[in-house]
PDB file of N, CA and C in Angstrom:
ATOM      1  N   MET A   1      57.347  81.781  80.356  1.00  0.00           N
ATOM      2  CA  MET A   1      57.628  81.990  81.418  1.00  0.00           C
ATOM      3  C   MET A   1      58.798  80.877  82.066  1.00  0.00           C
ATOM      4  N   THR A   2      59.738  80.607  83.312  1.00  0.00           N
ATOM      5  CA  THR A   2      61.296  80.157  83.305  1.00  0.00           C
ATOM      6  C   THR A   2      60.351  78.841  84.420  1.00  0.00           C
ATOM      7  N   SER A   3      61.532  78.282  84.594  1.00  0.00           N
ATOM      8  CA  SER A   3      60.791  77.170  85.820  1.00  0.00           C
ATOM      9  C   SER A   3      61.804  77.288  87.160  1.00  0.00           C
ATOM     10  N   PHE A   4      62.052  78.580  87.080  1.00  0.00           N
ATOM     11  CA  PHE A   4      62.594  78.819  88.216  1.00  0.00           C
ATOM     12  C   PHE A   4      61.745  78.806  89.454  1.00  0.00           C
ATOM     13  N   LYS A   5      62.331  78.341  90.496  1.00  0.00           N
ATOM     14  CA  LYS A   5      62.024  77.976  92.050  1.00  0.00           C
ATOM     15  C   LYS A   5      62.417  79.397  92.807  1.00  0.00           C
ATOM     16  N   LYS A   6      61.907  79.535  93.370  1.00  0.00           N
ATOM     17  CA  LYS A   6      61.843  80.681  94.596  1.00  0.00           C
ATOM     18  C   LYS A   6      62.124  79.833  95.789  1.00  0.00           C
ATOM     19  N   TRP A   7      63.486  80.554  96.120  1.00  0.00           N
ATOM     20  CA  TRP A   7      64.249  80.124  97.408  1.00  0.00           C
ATOM     21  C   TRP A   7      63.028  79.726  98.815  1.00  0.00           C
ATOM     22  N   ILE A   8      62.810  80.250  98.768  1.00  0.00           N
ATOM     23  CA  ILE A   8      61.541  79.679 100.035  1.00  0.00           C
ATOM     24  C   ILE A   8      60.831  78.823  99.900  1.00  0.00           C
ATOM     25  N   ASP A   9      60.610  78.394  98.205  1.00  0.00           N
ATOM     26  CA  ASP A   9      59.883  77.040  98.392  1.00  0.00           C
ATOM     27  C   ASP A   9      61.100  75.981  98.166  1.00  0.00           C
ATOM     28  N   VAL A  10      62.207  75.960  98.097  1.00  0.00           N
ATOM     29  CA  VAL A  10      62.429  74.849  98.072  1.00  0.00           C
ATOM     30  C   VAL A  10      63.874  74.799  99.687  1.00  0.00           C
ATOM     31  N   ARG A  11      64.108  75.995 100.494  1.00  0.00           N
ATOM     32  CA  ARG A  11      64.755  75.890 101.304  1.00  0.00           C
ATOM     33  C   ARG A  11      64.764  74.665 101.922  1.00  0.00           C
ATOM     34  N   GLU A  12      63.766  74.114 102.397  1.00  0.00           N
ATOM     35  CA  GLU A  12      63.523  73.445 103.917  1.00  0.00           C
ATOM     36  C   GLU A  12      64.407  71.937 102.909  1.00  0.00           C
ATOM     37  N   GLU A  13      64.062  71.438 101.971  1.00  0.00           N
ATOM     38  CA  GLU A  13      64.428  70.548 101.565  1.00  0.00           C
ATOM     39  C   GLU A  13      65.803  70.904 101.129  1.00  0.00           C
ATOM     40  N   HIS A  14      66.577  71.860 100.808  1.00  0.00           N
ATOM     41  CA  HIS A  14      67.936  71.813 100.696  1.00  0.00           C
ATOM     42  C   HIS A  14      68.511  71.388 101.915  1.00  0.00           C
ATOM     43  N   VAL A  15      67.807  72.376 103.039  1.00  0.00           N
ATOM     44  CA  VAL A  15      68.769  72.254 104.685  1.00  0.00           C
ATOM     45  C   VAL A  15      68.603  70.865 104.968  1.00  0.00           C
ATOM     46  N   VAL A  16      67.631  69.997 104.811  1.00  0.00           N
ATOM     47  CA  VAL A  16      67.360  68.541 105.029  1.00  0.00           C
ATOM     48  C   VAL A  16      68.436  67.841 104.859  1.00  0.00           C
ATOM     49  N   ARG A  17      68.705  67.595 102.934  1.00  0.00           N
ATOM     50  CA  ARG A  17      70.061  67.477 102.132  1.00  0.00           C
ATOM     51  C   ARG A  17      71.210  67.723 102.579  1.00  0.00           C
ATOM     52  N   ALA A  18      71.432  68.839 103.016  1.00  0.00           N
ATOM     53  CA  ALA A  18      72.893  69.529 103.540  1.00  0.00           C
ATOM     54  C   ALA A  18      72.714  68.503 105.032  1.00  0.00           C
ATOM     55  N   GLY A  19      71.994  68.033 105.318  1.00  0.00           N
ATOM     56  CA  GLY A  19      72.648  67.867 107.075  1.00  0.00           C
ATOM     57  C   GLY A  19      71.695  68.355 108.170  1.00  0.00           C
ATOM     58  N   GLY A  20      71.123  69.847 107.910  1.00  0.00           N
ATOM     59  CA  GLY A  20      70.235  70.543 108.907  1.00  0.00           C
ATOM     60  C   GLY A  20      71.116  71.903 108.824  1.00  0.00           C
ATOM     61  N   GLU A  21      70.720  72.806 109.457  1.00  0.00           N
ATOM     62  CA  GLU A  21      70.805  73.924 109.531  1.00  0.00           C
ATOM     63  C   GLU A  21      72.529  74.114 110.573  1.00  0.00           C
ATOM     64  N   GLU A  22      72.955  72.837 111.448  1.00  0.00           N
ATOM     65  CA  GLU A  22      74.553  73.617 111.692  1.00  0.00           C
ATOM     66  C   GLU A  22      75.041  73.351 110.658  1.00  0.00           C
ATOM     67  N   GLU A  23      74.584  71.899 109.640  1.00  0.00           N
ATOM     68  CA  GLU A  23      75.572  71.353 108.480  1.00  0.00           C
ATOM     69  C   GLU A  23      75.732  72.556 107.916  1.00  0.00           C
ATOM     70  N   LEU A  24      74.542  73.366 107.694  1.00  0.00           N
ATOM     71  CA  LEU A  24      74.534  73.895 106.202  1.00  0.00           C
ATOM     72  C   LEU A  24      75.216  75.229 106.817  1.00  0.00           C
ATOM     73  N   ALA A  25      75.475  76.081 107.743  1.00  0.00           N
ATOM     74  CA  ALA A  25      76.213  76.881 108.930  1.00  0.00           C
ATOM     75  C   ALA A  25      77.359  76.582 108.647  1.00  0.00           C
ATOM     76  N   LYS A  26      77.830  75.479 108.561  1.00  0.00           N
ATOM     77  CA  LYS A  26      79.639  74.980 108.720  1.00  0.00           C
ATOM     78  C   LYS A  26      79.715  75.381 107.381  1.00  0.00           C
ATOM     79  N   THR A  27      78.897  74.270 106.364  1.00  0.00           N
ATOM     80  CA  THR A  27      79.226  74.511 104.968  1.00  0.00           C
ATOM     81  C   THR A  27      79.355  75.724 104.341  1.00  0.00           C
ATOM     82  N   ARG A  28      78.259  76.569 104.935  1.00  0.00           N
ATOM     83  CA  ARG A  28      78.638  78.281 104.460  1.00  0.00           C
ATOM     84  C   ARG A  28      79.558  78.807 104.913  1.00  0.00           C
ATOM     85  N   ARG A  29      80.277  78.504 106.255  1.00  0.00           N
ATOM     86  CA  ARG A  29      81.424  79.131 106.853  1.00  0.00           C
ATOM     87  C   ARG A  29      82.727  79.011 105.448  1.00  0.00           C
ATOM     88  N   MET A  30      82.699  77.270 105.300  1.00  0.00           N
ATOM     89  CA  MET A  30      84.029  76.892 104.805  1.00  0.00           C
ATOM     90  C   MET A  30      83.815  77.844 103.600  1.00  0.00           C
ATOM     91  N   ILE A  31      82.580  77.739 102.631  1.00  0.00           N
ATOM     92  CA  ILE A  31      82.982  78.265 101.520  1.00  0.00           C
ATOM     93  C   ILE A  31      83.202  80.102 101.428  1.00  0.00           C
ATOM     94  N   GLU A  32      82.341  80.954 102.894  1.00  0.00           N
ATOM     95  CA  GLU A  32      83.701  82.139 103.095  1.00  0.00           C
ATOM     96  C   GLU A  32      84.485  81.956 102.950  1.00  0.00           C
ATOM     97  N   ALA A  33      85.080  81.461 104.379  1.00  0.00           N
ATOM     98  CA  ALA A  33      86.885  81.220 103.799  1.00  0.00           C
ATOM     99  C   ALA A  33      87.385  80.749 102.496  1.00  0.00           C
ATOM    100  N   TYR A  34      86.825  79.877 102.252  1.00  0.00           N
ATOM    101  CA  TYR A  34      87.557  79.947 100.784  1.00  0.00           C
ATOM    102  C   TYR A  34      87.856  81.702 100.136  1.00  0.00           C
ATOM    103  N   VAL A  35      86.691  82.099 100.058  1.00  0.00           N
ATOM    104  CA  VAL A  35      86.517  83.108  99.121  1.00  0.00           C
ATOM    105  C   VAL A  35      87.015  84.331  99.945  1.00  0.00           C
ATOM    106  N   HIS A  36      86.802  84.423 100.970  1.00  0.00           N
ATOM    107  CA  HIS A  36      88.390  85.341 102.100  1.00  0.00           C
ATOM    108  C   HIS A  36      89.115  85.039 101.275  1.00  0.00           C
ATOM    109  N   ALA A  37      89.950  83.913 101.594  1.00  0.00           N
ATOM    110  CA  ALA A  37      91.348  83.627 101.090  1.00  0.00           C
ATOM    111  C   ALA A  37      91.794  83.626  99.460  1.00  0.00           C
ATOM    112  N   TRP A  38      91.087  83.744  98.853  1.00  0.00           N
ATOM    113  CA  TRP A  38      91.455  84.188  97.526  1.00  0.00           C
ATOM    114  C   TRP A  38      91.177  85.631  97.264  1.00  0.00           C
ATOM    115  N   HIS A  39      90.559  86.375  98.039  1.00  0.00           N
ATOM    116  CA  HIS A  39      90.305  87.855  97.842  1.00  0.00           C
ATOM    117  C   HIS A  39      92.005  87.965  98.682  1.00  0.00           C
ATOM    118  N   LEU A  40      91.969  87.519  99.672  1.00  0.00           N
ATOM    119  CA  LEU A  40      93.660  88.263 100.306  1.00  0.00           C
ATOM    120  C   LEU A  40      94.750  87.717  99.366  1.00  0.00           C
ATOM    121  N   ALA A  41      94.526  86.451  98.968  1.00  0.00           N
ATOM    122  CA  ALA A  41      95.377  86.040  97.958  1.00  0.00           C
ATOM    123  C   ALA A  41      96.067  87.038  96.275  1.00  0.00           C
ATOM    124  N   GLU A  42      94.683  87.317  95.861  1.00  0.00           N
ATOM    125  CA  GLU A  42      94.283  88.266  94.903  1.00  0.00           C
ATOM    126  C   GLU A  42      94.919  89.400  95.276  1.00  0.00           C
ATOM    127  N   ARG A  43      94.714  90.435  96.140  1.00  0.00           N
ATOM    128  CA  ARG A  43      95.018  91.747  96.936  1.00  0.00           C
ATOM    129  C   ARG A  43      96.782  91.438  96.840  1.00  0.00           C
ATOM    130  N   ARG A  44      97.112  90.619  97.555  1.00  0.00           N
ATOM    131  CA  ARG A  44      98.406  90.268  97.668  1.00  0.00           C
ATOM    132  C   ARG A  44      99.141  90.328  96.630  1.00  0.00           C
ATOM    133  N   ARG A  45      98.856  89.796  95.624  1.00  0.00           N
ATOM    134  CA  ARG A  45      99.761  89.594  94.269  1.00  0.00           C
ATOM    135  C   ARG A  45      99.679  90.960  94.137  1.00  0.00           C
ATOM    136  N   ASN A  46      98.099  91.368  93.894  1.00  0.00           N
ATOM    137  CA  ASN A  46      97.544  92.420  92.932  1.00  0.00           C
ATOM    138  C   ASN A  46      98.689  93.932  93.761  1.00  0.00           C
ATOM    139  N   GLY A  47      99.107  93.750  94.671  1.00  0.00           N
ATOM    140  CA  GLY A  47      99.699  94.976  95.597  1.00  0.00           C
ATOM    141  C   GLY A  47     101.201  94.468  95.288  1.00  0.00           C
ATOM    142  N   GLY A  48     101.715  93.423  94.626  1.00  0.00           N
ATOM    143  CA  GLY A  48     103.019  93.382  94.670  1.00  0.00           C
ATOM    144  C   GLY A  48     103.614  92.449  95.946  1.00  0.00           C
ATOM    145  N   LEU A  49     102.671  92.415  97.251  1.00  0.00           N
ATOM    146  CA  LEU A  49     102.968  91.865  97.825  1.00  0.00           C
ATOM    147  C   LEU A  49     103.817  90.295  97.894  1.00  0.00           C
ATOM    148  N   THR A  50     104.720  89.541  98.997  1.00  0.00           N
ATOM    149  CA  THR A  50     105.013  88.394  99.803  1.00  0.00           C
ATOM    150  C   THR A  50     104.170  88.095 100.354  1.00  0.00           C
ATOM    151  N   GLN A  51     103.894  86.976 100.615  1.00  0.00           N
ATOM    152  CA  GLN A  51     103.644  86.060 101.950  1.00  0.00           C
ATOM    153  C   GLN A  51     104.127  86.730 103.130  1.00  0.00           C
ATOM    154  N   SER A  52     105.306  86.968 102.680  1.00  0.00           N
ATOM    155  CA  SER A  52     106.172  87.713 104.277  1.00  0.00           C
ATOM    156  C   SER A  52     105.814  88.764 104.342  1.00  0.00           C
ATOM    157  N   ASP A  53     105.829  89.440 103.376  1.00  0.00           N
ATOM    158  CA  ASP A  53     104.752  90.851 103.686  1.00  0.00           C
ATOM    159  C   ASP A  53     104.036  90.932 104.512  1.00  0.00           C
ATOM    160  N   VAL A  54     102.951  90.569 104.284  1.00  0.00           N
ATOM    161  CA  VAL A  54     101.419  90.242 104.498  1.00  0.00           C
ATOM    162  C   VAL A  54     101.575  89.809 105.791  1.00  0.00           C
ATOM    163  N   ALA A  55     102.317  88.765 106.384  1.00  0.00           N
ATOM    164  CA  ALA A  55     102.733  88.223 107.353  1.00  0.00           C
ATOM    165  C   ALA A  55     102.923  89.400 108.382  1.00  0.00           C
ATOM    166  N   GLU A  56     103.858  89.887 108.188  1.00  0.00           N
ATOM    167  CA  GLU A  56     104.641  91.061 108.765  1.00  0.00           C
ATOM    168  C   GLU A  56     103.673  92.037 108.866  1.00  0.00           C
ATOM    169  N   LYS A  57     102.855  92.578 108.242  1.00  0.00           N
ATOM    170  CA  LYS A  57     101.165  93.402 108.361  1.00  0.00           C
ATOM    171  C   LYS A  57     100.807  93.018 109.687  1.00  0.00           C
ATOM    172  N   MET A  58     100.496  91.705 108.954  1.00  0.00           N
ATOM    173  CA  MET A  58      99.053  91.193 110.213  1.00  0.00           C
ATOM    174  C   MET A  58      99.705  90.420 111.597  1.00  0.00           C
ATOM    175  N   GLY A  59     101.162  90.687 111.476  1.00  0.00           N
ATOM    176  CA  GLY A  59     101.419  89.934 112.792  1.00  0.00           C
ATOM    177  C   GLY A  59     101.069  88.381 113.304  1.00  0.00           C
ATOM    178  N   VAL A  60     101.415  87.499 111.955  1.00  0.00           N
ATOM    179  CA  VAL A  60     101.321  86.515 112.224  1.00  0.00           C
ATOM    180  C   VAL A  60     102.735  86.091 111.176  1.00  0.00           C
ATOM    181  N   THR A  61     102.645  84.643 110.789  1.00  0.00           N
ATOM    182  CA  THR A  61     103.835  84.111 110.663  1.00  0.00           C
ATOM    183  C   THR A  61     103.039  83.639 108.969  1.00  0.00           C
ATOM    184  N   LYS A  62     104.700  83.594 108.521  1.00  0.00           N
ATOM    185  CA  LYS A  62     104.218  83.361 106.788  1.00  0.00           C
ATOM    186  C   LYS A  62     103.508  82.039 106.682  1.00  0.00           C
ATOM    187  N   MET A  63     103.935  81.033 107.288  1.00  0.00           N
ATOM    188  CA  MET A  63     102.913  80.029 107.686  1.00  0.00           C
ATOM    189  C   MET A  63     101.649  80.049 107.692  1.00  0.00           C
ATOM    190  N   ARG A  64     101.194  81.033 107.966  1.00  0.00           N
ATOM    191  CA  ARG A  64      99.447  81.195 108.746  1.00  0.00           C
ATOM    192  C   ARG A  64      98.847  81.938 107.148  1.00  0.00           C
ATOM    193  N   VAL A  65      99.578  82.831 107.164  1.00  0.00           N
ATOM    194  CA  VAL A  65      99.358  83.675 105.523  1.00  0.00           C
ATOM    195  C   VAL A  65      99.060  82.305 104.590  1.00  0.00           C
ATOM    196  N   SER A  66      99.999  81.614 104.032  1.00  0.00           N
ATOM    197  CA  SER A  66      99.996  80.085 103.175  1.00  0.00           C
ATOM    198  C   SER A  66      98.701  79.549 104.092  1.00  0.00           C
ATOM    199  N   GLN A  67      98.799  79.274 105.024  1.00  0.00           N
ATOM    200  CA  GLN A  67      97.164  78.520 105.440  1.00  0.00           C
ATOM    201  C   GLN A  67      96.257  79.102 105.001  1.00  0.00           C
ATOM    202  N   ILE A  68      95.688  80.887 104.955  1.00  0.00           N
ATOM    203  CA  ILE A  68      94.758  81.462 104.978  1.00  0.00           C
ATOM    204  C   ILE A  68      94.555  81.404 103.756  1.00  0.00           C
ATOM    205  N   GLU A  69      95.674  81.426 102.909  1.00  0.00           N
ATOM    206  CA  GLU A  69      95.617  81.492 101.571  1.00  0.00           C
ATOM    207  C   GLU A  69      95.020  80.165 100.886  1.00  0.00           C
ATOM    208  N   ASN A  70      95.128  79.310 101.640  1.00  0.00           N
ATOM    209  CA  ASN A  70      94.949  77.958 100.691  1.00  0.00           C
ATOM    210  C   ASN A  70      93.485  77.395 101.232  1.00  0.00           C
ATOM    211  N   GLY A  71      92.728  78.287 102.710  1.00  0.00           N
ATOM    212  CA  GLY A  71      91.601  77.786 102.970  1.00  0.00           C
ATOM    213  C   GLY A  71      91.738  76.242 104.286  1.00  0.00           C
ATOM    214  N   ASP A  72      92.977  77.011 104.802  1.00  0.00           N
ATOM    215  CA  ASP A  72      92.878  75.682 105.620  1.00  0.00           C
ATOM    216  C   ASP A  72      92.659  76.192 107.034  1.00  0.00           C
ATOM    217  N   VAL A  73      92.468  77.596 107.402  1.00  0.00           N
ATOM    218  CA  VAL A  73      91.792  78.249 108.454  1.00  0.00           C
ATOM    219  C   VAL A  73      90.711  79.068 108.162  1.00  0.00           C
ATOM    220  N   THR A  74      89.759  79.459 109.235  1.00  0.00           N
ATOM    221  CA  THR A  74      88.373  79.954 108.720  1.00  0.00           C
ATOM    222  C   THR A  74      88.478  81.694 109.611  1.00  0.00           C
ATOM    223  N   SER A  75      90.036  81.657 110.005  1.00  0.00           N
ATOM    224  CA  SER A  75      89.723  82.708 111.120  1.00  0.00           C
ATOM    225  C   SER A  75      91.286  83.362 110.628  1.00  0.00           C
ATOM    226  N   VAL A  76      91.556  84.633 111.456  1.00  0.00           N
ATOM    227  CA  VAL A  76      92.772  85.506 111.341  1.00  0.00           C
ATOM    228  C   VAL A  76      92.976  86.093 112.579  1.00  0.00           C
ATOM    229  N   GLU A  77      92.122  84.934 113.914  1.00  0.00           N
ATOM    230  CA  GLU A  77      92.143  85.804 115.436  1.00  0.00           C
ATOM    231  C   GLU A  77      93.346  86.729 115.100  1.00  0.00           C
ATOM    232  N   GLY A  78      93.434  87.590 115.889  1.00  0.00           N
ATOM    233  CA  GLY A  78      94.965  88.015 116.812  1.00  0.00           C
ATOM    234  C   GLY A  78      95.667  88.828 115.682  1.00  0.00           C
ATOM    235  N   ALA A  79      95.064  89.037 114.260  1.00  0.00           N
ATOM    236  CA  ALA A  79      95.771  89.382 113.787  1.00  0.00           C
ATOM    237  C   ALA A  79      94.926  90.890 113.421  1.00  0.00           C
ATOM    238  N   GLY A  80      96.265  91.718 113.233  1.00  0.00           N
ATOM    239  CA  GLY A  80      95.906  92.655 112.848  1.00  0.00           C
ATOM    240  C   GLY A  80      95.322  93.196 111.484  1.00  0.00           C
ATOM    241  N   PRO A  81      94.846  94.517 111.140  1.00  0.00           N
ATOM    242  CA  PRO A  81      94.576  94.725 109.987  1.00  0.00           C
ATOM    243  C   PRO A  81      95.279  95.246 108.969  1.00  0.00           C
ATOM    244  N   LEU A  82      94.948  94.681 107.871  1.00  0.00           N
ATOM    245  CA  LEU A  82      95.797  94.548 106.769  1.00  0.00           C
ATOM    246  C   LEU A  82      95.686  95.911 105.722  1.00  0.00           C
ATOM    247  N   HIS A  83      96.562  96.242 106.068  1.00  0.00           N
ATOM    248  CA  HIS A  83      96.250  98.019 105.084  1.00  0.00           C
ATOM    249  C   HIS A  83      96.833  98.113 103.477  1.00  0.00           C
TER     250      HIS A  83
END
């Protein structure tokens, strides 16, 4: 038998340690922003694009693309789709 616990049995303790539901949600958003940032950077590099190329396609500045790729922002509001 394994010693793994079910999430439902440990979730409440985890939420308390995280500082509550709101803090847990904030941490989740931060992690998701870093994952999205990594994916953007990977897709850009794999496509042979520069940050300037991506910025132009998204309708944002190169600095904004850099911020997104570094996880310094959590949204790309106002940006168009990257094709």
